[in-house]
Amino acid sequence: MSNDNHSLAGTSTAPHAPVDPFRFDVSALPAERQLLAWGERVIHMADLVTSREQVRSPFRAYFDRYEIGDCAFLDCYSDGVSLNRSIARVSQNTFGSMGFHIFVGGHCGSSFVHGAKRSGAALEVGVLAVDFEQPFRLSREDSQHVNVFAPLTRVQQAFADPGVLHGRTLSPHLPSVQLIVARCRALMTTLRTMPFQEAHRHLDALISLILAAFGADMGLAGSRRALERAAAFERVRSFVKLNLDNGDLTPEYVIESLGLSRPSVYRLFQHEGGLGNYIQNLRLRTAANDLLRYPQMQVQDIAYSLGFGSASAFTRAFRRAFDIAPRDIRFEPDARARAARSTR
């Protein structure tokens, strides 16, 4: 995915003025600067994973970025790239936005690794959802793609917890995805001539289409049965969040407490690697936030407050999920500053 140092906040564009894109292209730079220059554009979002040979080789990449209210649309091309957004990077900066990566040309092969899914097998992807409040590792081949950034408040209109979309993909063969791609291709050629209000309306409609496609793919929209699944999904997630401090919180405890069937719960949380994995990852994400918000608290106290049986078990799980020890996050300068701000 691509981003730059512009804010995702709303702009003061006049309602009837055309949307003016921001252009970035590495083609005019020396070959040895092209990949590094591209990395500088995404470095505050994620770390670019490269080899010395890759840095010396020519690298093609550009984007046209349209700021439309509190959303953004990027018409982008780049050669193959690998990005890593670590838990430390998450602690240093937040976006308040969900990213949707839509392949419109070239290769659509990607691997995406996050806390709930440790394998990075290549997938054929039409649309990929990324929550920047969670860590991830992304590798993809050279492609033409569109990045759509929507504020979390907008995503919450369809999903109470936008984080459940993180790492989810839609197949390029789905009719809904083919419609999304067609809409993106049309906007790639027409956005720059649209008045701001019209552009905002088209982009909001595209976001609605993307969210509806994910909802249908997850079986959470449409029929009565789907609505029942959505209600059960919300009940389970709310129950887990309210009981994170309970050391007895297990899938069996949740299922028995809520009177749900085991197969239904398994299907609802299959993407997260099962309900047990969802509980573990939510505990770890909450712990990462607490480590920064409450720098005076001992690591073991945070571990016990989130249902972990021991500080050592917590540290092992945290390091396995995020490749960093819990206490080491507090040594990041930006992370310390953020923690200080949050506790004032």
Protein backbone atom coordinates (compact mmCIF):
# COMPACT_ATOMS: atom_id res chain seq x y z
CA MET A 1 0.00 0.00 0.00
CA SER A 2 1.12 3.55 -0.50
CA ASN A 3 0.77 6.66 1.57
CA ASP A 4 2.53 9.99 1.98
CA ASN A 5 3.00 12.63 4.62
CA HIS A 6 -0.30 14.34 3.87
CA SER A 7 -2.95 14.02 6.54
CA LEU A 8 -6.01 11.86 6.02
CA ALA A 9 -8.13 14.60 7.56
CA GLY A 10 -10.65 16.59 5.55
CA THR A 11 -9.58 19.29 3.13
CA SER A 12 -10.94 22.74 2.46
CA THR A 13 -11.55 22.12 -1.23
CA ALA A 14 -14.30 24.31 -2.67
CA PRO A 15 -17.47 22.23 -3.35
CA HIS A 16 -17.54 23.02 -7.07
CA ALA A 17 -13.77 23.01 -7.72
CA PRO A 18 -12.16 19.97 -9.37
CA VAL A 19 -10.21 17.62 -7.10
CA ASP A 20 -6.49 18.36 -7.41
CA PRO A 21 -4.34 15.21 -7.08
CA PHE A 22 -0.89 15.06 -5.50
CA ARG A 23 1.54 13.31 -7.88
CA PHE A 24 4.60 11.32 -6.85
CA ASP A 25 6.80 9.47 -9.36
CA VAL A 26 10.30 8.01 -8.89
CA SER A 27 11.07 7.68 -12.63
CA ALA A 28 13.16 10.88 -12.80
CA LEU A 29 15.46 9.77 -9.98
CA PRO A 30 18.70 7.78 -10.38
CA ALA A 31 18.09 4.02 -10.21
CA GLU A 32 19.81 3.68 -6.83
CA ARG A 33 17.46 6.29 -5.34
CA GLN A 34 14.15 5.04 -6.73
CA LEU A 35 13.29 2.31 -4.23
CA LEU A 36 14.61 4.35 -1.30
CA ALA A 37 12.56 7.38 -2.36
CA TRP A 38 9.47 5.19 -2.52
CA GLY A 39 10.30 3.84 0.92
CA GLU A 40 10.52 7.37 2.31
CA ARG A 41 6.91 7.86 1.25
CA VAL A 42 5.69 4.85 3.23
CA ILE A 43 8.25 4.84 6.05
CA HIS A 44 5.93 6.47 8.61
CA MET A 45 3.32 3.81 7.79
CA ALA A 46 5.54 0.72 7.52
CA ASP A 47 9.16 -0.26 7.09
CA LEU A 48 10.30 -1.19 3.59
CA VAL A 49 11.92 -4.63 3.54
CA THR A 50 14.74 -4.65 0.97
CA SER A 51 18.05 -6.21 0.06
CA ARG A 52 21.16 -4.35 -1.09
CA GLU A 53 20.64 -5.76 -4.59
CA GLN A 54 17.05 -4.48 -4.71
CA VAL A 55 18.14 -0.99 -3.69
CA ARG A 56 20.66 -0.82 -6.54
CA SER A 57 18.17 -2.04 -9.17
CA PRO A 58 15.72 0.23 -11.06
CA PHE A 59 12.33 0.50 -9.41
CA ARG A 60 9.15 1.79 -11.07
CA ALA A 61 6.50 3.43 -8.93
CA TYR A 62 4.10 6.35 -8.94
CA PHE A 63 0.80 7.44 -7.46
CA ASP A 64 -1.83 10.13 -7.87
CA ARG A 65 -3.38 10.85 -4.50
CA TYR A 66 -6.80 12.48 -4.18
CA GLU A 67 -7.79 13.91 -0.78
CA ILE A 68 -11.59 13.92 -0.70
CA GLY A 69 -13.01 15.05 2.63
CA ASP A 70 -11.83 12.61 5.29
CA CYS A 71 -11.17 9.89 2.70
CA ALA A 72 -8.42 9.36 0.14
CA PHE A 73 -8.12 7.63 -3.23
CA LEU A 74 -4.72 6.61 -4.65
CA ASP A 75 -4.21 5.56 -8.26
CA CYS A 76 -0.96 3.68 -7.88
CA TYR A 77 1.56 1.51 -9.69
CA SER A 78 4.69 -0.05 -8.24
CA ASP A 79 7.02 -2.94 -8.81
CA GLY A 80 6.97 -5.76 -6.28
CA VAL A 81 7.50 -4.61 -2.72
CA SER A 82 7.55 -5.92 0.86
CA LEU A 83 6.39 -3.86 3.86
CA ASN A 84 6.47 -4.52 7.59
CA ARG A 85 4.32 -2.57 10.06
CA SER A 86 5.55 -3.73 13.44
CA ILE A 87 3.83 -3.29 16.80
CA ALA A 88 6.50 -0.69 17.56
CA ARG A 89 5.53 1.20 14.39
CA VAL A 90 1.86 1.00 15.40
CA SER A 91 2.82 2.51 18.76
CA GLN A 92 4.59 5.42 17.06
CA ASN A 93 1.82 6.60 14.75
CA THR A 94 -1.87 6.07 14.22
CA PHE A 95 -4.03 6.90 11.24
CA GLY A 96 -7.62 6.44 12.33
CA SER A 97 -8.26 4.97 8.89
CA MET A 98 -8.85 1.60 7.27
CA GLY A 99 -7.05 0.90 4.01
CA PHE A 100 -8.48 -1.10 1.12
CA HIS A 101 -5.97 -2.34 -1.47
CA ILE A 102 -7.70 -3.07 -4.80
CA PHE A 103 -5.86 -4.73 -7.69
CA VAL A 104 -6.90 -3.32 -11.04
CA GLY A 105 -4.09 -4.56 -13.32
CA GLY A 106 -0.93 -6.63 -13.43
CA HIS A 107 -0.33 -9.37 -10.88
CA CYS A 108 -2.75 -9.81 -8.00
CA GLY A 109 -0.60 -12.17 -5.94
CA SER A 110 0.03 -11.08 -2.35
CA SER A 111 1.02 -12.54 0.97
CA PHE A 112 -0.23 -10.90 4.13
CA VAL A 113 0.82 -11.90 7.63
CA HIS A 114 -0.71 -10.57 10.84
CA GLY A 115 -1.11 -11.68 14.43
CA ALA A 116 -3.99 -14.05 13.69
CA LYS A 117 -2.33 -15.66 10.70
CA ARG A 118 1.33 -16.54 10.89
CA SER A 119 1.71 -18.16 7.47
CA GLY A 120 2.45 -15.97 4.47
CA ALA A 121 1.37 -18.11 1.55
CA ALA A 122 0.71 -16.13 -1.63
CA LEU A 123 -2.96 -15.48 -2.34
CA GLU A 124 -4.84 -14.35 -5.41
CA VAL A 125 -6.33 -11.13 -4.13
CA GLY A 126 -8.93 -8.75 -5.52
CA VAL A 127 -9.37 -6.56 -2.44
CA LEU A 128 -7.32 -6.56 0.77
CA ALA A 129 -8.41 -4.78 3.99
CA VAL A 130 -5.76 -3.35 6.33
CA ASP A 131 -6.31 -1.90 9.79
CA PHE A 132 -3.33 0.36 10.55
CA GLU A 133 -3.95 -0.02 14.28
CA GLN A 134 -2.62 -3.59 13.95
CA PRO A 135 0.75 -4.90 12.81
CA PHE A 136 1.19 -6.72 9.51
CA ARG A 137 3.69 -7.86 6.89
CA LEU A 138 2.72 -7.44 3.24
CA SER A 139 4.49 -8.68 0.11
CA ARG A 140 3.08 -8.26 -3.37
CA GLU A 141 4.15 -8.45 -6.98
CA ASP A 142 4.28 -5.57 -9.44
CA SER A 143 0.77 -4.30 -10.06
CA GLN A 144 -1.57 -1.45 -10.84
CA HIS A 145 -3.74 -0.90 -7.82
CA VAL A 146 -5.98 1.55 -6.05
CA ASN A 147 -5.69 2.33 -2.35
CA VAL A 148 -8.82 3.66 -0.67
CA PHE A 149 -8.52 5.08 2.84
CA ALA A 150 -11.73 5.41 4.87
CA PRO A 151 -11.94 6.75 8.45
CA LEU A 152 -12.69 4.12 11.06
CA THR A 153 -15.88 6.00 11.95
CA ARG A 154 -17.09 5.40 8.39
CA VAL A 155 -16.23 1.69 8.53
CA GLN A 156 -18.02 1.41 11.88
CA GLN A 157 -21.27 2.16 10.11
CA ALA A 158 -21.03 -1.38 8.71
CA PHE A 159 -18.75 -3.11 11.26
CA ALA A 160 -18.89 -2.16 14.94
CA ASP A 161 -15.28 -3.29 15.27
CA PRO A 162 -13.37 -2.38 12.07
CA GLY A 163 -10.44 -4.47 13.27
CA VAL A 164 -12.28 -7.67 12.30
CA LEU A 165 -11.58 -6.78 8.65
CA HIS A 166 -7.81 -6.72 9.13
CA GLY A 167 -6.12 -9.06 6.67
CA ARG A 168 -9.35 -10.20 5.06
CA THR A 169 -9.31 -10.60 1.29
CA LEU A 170 -11.88 -10.86 -1.47
CA SER A 171 -11.31 -13.01 -4.53
CA PRO A 172 -10.91 -11.18 -7.86
CA HIS A 173 -13.43 -13.63 -9.33
CA LEU A 174 -16.34 -12.45 -7.17
CA PRO A 175 -18.93 -10.40 -9.15
CA SER A 176 -18.89 -7.80 -6.37
CA VAL A 177 -15.12 -7.42 -6.70
CA GLN A 178 -15.33 -7.13 -10.46
CA LEU A 179 -17.82 -4.30 -9.94
CA ILE A 180 -15.47 -2.64 -7.42
CA VAL A 181 -12.58 -2.88 -9.89
CA ALA A 182 -14.74 -1.39 -12.68
CA ARG A 183 -15.71 1.52 -10.40
CA CYS A 184 -12.05 2.10 -9.49
CA ARG A 185 -10.96 2.12 -13.14
CA ALA A 186 -13.65 4.65 -13.95
CA LEU A 187 -12.60 6.92 -11.08
CA MET A 188 -8.95 6.67 -12.13
CA THR A 189 -9.85 8.51 -15.35
CA THR A 190 -12.61 10.85 -14.14
CA LEU A 191 -11.74 11.98 -10.60
CA ARG A 192 -9.44 14.81 -11.64
CA THR A 193 -12.24 16.52 -13.60
CA MET A 194 -14.99 16.01 -11.02
CA PRO A 195 -16.24 18.77 -8.74
CA PHE A 196 -15.40 18.02 -5.12
CA GLN A 197 -18.96 17.19 -4.06
CA GLU A 198 -19.43 14.75 -6.94
CA ALA A 199 -16.06 13.11 -6.22
CA HIS A 200 -16.99 12.76 -2.56
CA ARG A 201 -20.30 11.13 -3.49
CA HIS A 202 -18.62 8.64 -5.86
CA LEU A 203 -15.91 7.73 -3.36
CA ASP A 204 -18.43 7.23 -0.56
CA ALA A 205 -20.46 4.96 -2.85
CA LEU A 206 -17.29 2.96 -3.60
CA ILE A 207 -16.58 2.57 0.12
CA SER A 208 -20.15 1.39 0.70
CA LEU A 209 -19.74 -1.16 -2.07
CA ILE A 210 -16.47 -2.45 -0.59
CA LEU A 211 -17.95 -2.76 2.91
CA ALA A 212 -21.03 -4.53 1.55
CA ALA A 213 -18.81 -6.99 -0.34
CA PHE A 214 -16.90 -7.86 2.83
CA GLY A 215 -20.12 -8.18 4.79
CA ALA A 216 -21.57 -10.57 2.22
CA ASP A 217 -18.33 -12.59 2.06
CA MET A 218 -18.38 -12.95 5.86
CA GLY A 219 -22.03 -14.01 5.77
CA LEU A 220 -23.05 -11.04 7.93
CA ALA A 221 -25.44 -9.26 5.58
CA GLY A 222 -28.58 -9.96 3.59
CA SER A 223 -30.79 -12.84 4.72
CA ARG A 224 -32.34 -13.49 8.11
CA ARG A 225 -29.75 -16.18 8.75
CA ALA A 226 -26.99 -13.72 7.93
CA LEU A 227 -28.42 -11.18 10.34
CA GLU A 228 -28.51 -13.85 13.05
CA ARG A 229 -24.86 -14.62 12.34
CA ALA A 230 -24.02 -10.92 12.57
CA ALA A 231 -25.82 -10.66 15.91
CA ALA A 232 -23.98 -13.72 17.24
CA PHE A 233 -20.67 -12.33 16.00
CA GLU A 234 -21.30 -9.07 17.84
CA ARG A 235 -22.39 -10.88 21.03
CA VAL A 236 -19.22 -12.97 21.11
CA ARG A 237 -16.88 -10.05 20.46
CA SER A 238 -18.58 -7.87 23.09
CA PHE A 239 -18.49 -10.70 25.64
CA VAL A 240 -14.80 -11.33 25.02
CA LYS A 241 -13.90 -7.64 25.39
CA LEU A 242 -15.80 -7.41 28.68
CA ASN A 243 -14.08 -10.52 30.09
CA LEU A 244 -10.48 -10.14 28.95
CA ASP A 245 -9.33 -9.98 32.59
CA ASN A 246 -10.86 -13.38 33.31
CA GLY A 247 -8.18 -16.05 33.30
CA ASP A 248 -10.89 -18.66 32.62
CA LEU A 249 -11.90 -16.98 29.35
CA THR A 250 -11.65 -19.78 26.79
CA PRO A 251 -13.70 -20.70 23.70
CA GLU A 252 -15.57 -23.26 25.81
CA TYR A 253 -16.35 -20.64 28.46
CA VAL A 254 -17.71 -18.25 25.82
CA ILE A 255 -19.78 -20.92 24.08
CA GLU A 256 -21.32 -22.16 27.33
CA SER A 257 -21.95 -18.64 28.67
CA LEU A 258 -23.72 -17.47 25.51
CA GLY A 259 -25.43 -20.76 24.62
CA LEU A 260 -23.98 -20.90 21.11
CA SER A 261 -23.03 -23.94 19.03
CA ARG A 262 -19.36 -24.78 18.63
CA PRO A 263 -19.50 -25.15 14.79
CA SER A 264 -21.20 -21.76 14.42
CA VAL A 265 -18.60 -20.02 16.56
CA TYR A 266 -15.79 -21.74 14.67
CA ARG A 267 -17.15 -20.46 11.35
CA LEU A 268 -17.54 -16.94 12.69
CA PHE A 269 -13.90 -16.76 13.79
CA GLN A 270 -12.29 -18.97 11.16
CA HIS A 271 -10.45 -16.01 9.63
CA GLU A 272 -8.88 -15.19 13.01
CA GLY A 273 -7.62 -18.75 13.37
CA GLY A 274 -10.42 -19.68 15.75
CA LEU A 275 -12.00 -18.04 18.78
CA GLY A 276 -9.07 -18.99 21.02
CA ASN A 277 -6.66 -17.21 18.73
CA TYR A 278 -8.98 -14.19 18.57
CA ILE A 279 -9.03 -13.98 22.38
CA GLN A 280 -5.26 -14.28 22.58
CA ASN A 281 -4.61 -11.64 19.92
CA LEU A 282 -7.11 -9.21 21.43
CA ARG A 283 -5.40 -9.60 24.80
CA LEU A 284 -2.01 -8.96 23.24
CA ARG A 285 -3.20 -5.90 21.27
CA THR A 286 -4.80 -4.50 24.44
CA ALA A 287 -1.59 -5.19 26.35
CA ALA A 288 0.46 -3.31 23.74
CA ASN A 289 -1.80 -0.28 24.17
CA ASP A 290 -1.69 -0.51 27.98
CA LEU A 291 2.10 -0.72 27.98
CA LEU A 292 2.15 2.71 26.34
CA ARG A 293 -0.79 4.32 28.13
CA TYR A 294 0.41 3.28 31.59
CA PRO A 295 4.23 3.42 31.53
CA GLN A 296 4.34 3.33 35.34
CA MET A 297 2.66 -0.11 35.47
CA GLN A 298 4.79 -3.22 35.73
CA VAL A 299 4.69 -5.60 32.78
CA GLN A 300 3.52 -8.42 35.03
CA ASP A 301 0.63 -6.31 36.37
CA ILE A 302 -0.59 -5.66 32.83
CA ALA A 303 -0.26 -9.37 32.07
CA TYR A 304 -2.33 -10.39 35.10
CA SER A 305 -4.95 -7.71 34.40
CA LEU A 306 -5.57 -9.29 30.99
CA GLY A 307 -5.96 -12.86 32.16
CA PHE A 308 -2.44 -14.19 31.59
CA GLY A 309 -1.35 -16.72 34.19
CA SER A 310 2.23 -15.48 34.47
CA ALA A 311 4.50 -12.71 33.23
CA SER A 312 6.73 -15.25 31.46
CA ALA A 313 3.81 -16.77 29.55
CA PHE A 314 2.70 -13.26 28.55
CA THR A 315 6.20 -12.29 27.40
CA ARG A 316 6.54 -15.45 25.29
CA ALA A 317 3.16 -14.90 23.64
CA PHE A 318 3.85 -11.21 23.05
CA ARG A 319 7.26 -11.86 21.48
CA ARG A 320 5.84 -14.67 19.32
CA ALA A 321 3.08 -12.40 18.01
CA PHE A 322 4.99 -9.14 17.58
CA ASP A 323 8.69 -10.12 17.41
CA ILE A 324 9.48 -7.78 20.30
CA ALA A 325 9.49 -8.10 24.10
CA PRO A 326 6.75 -6.17 25.95
CA ARG A 327 9.16 -3.93 27.83
CA ASP A 328 11.07 -3.00 24.66
CA ILE A 329 8.13 -1.02 23.25
CA ARG A 330 8.63 1.49 26.04
CA PHE A 331 12.15 2.21 24.81
CA GLU A 332 10.86 3.64 21.52
CA PRO A 333 11.15 7.47 21.81
CA ASP A 334 7.93 8.18 19.91
CA ALA A 335 6.13 5.47 21.84
CA ARG A 336 7.13 7.04 25.16
CA ALA A 337 5.90 10.43 23.97
CA ARG A 338 2.56 8.95 22.94
CA ALA A 339 2.23 7.18 26.29
CA ALA A 340 2.95 10.43 28.13
CA ARG A 341 0.27 12.26 26.14
CA SER A 342 -2.33 9.56 26.77
CA THR A 343 -1.88 9.63 30.56
CA ARG A 344 -2.06 13.41 31.05
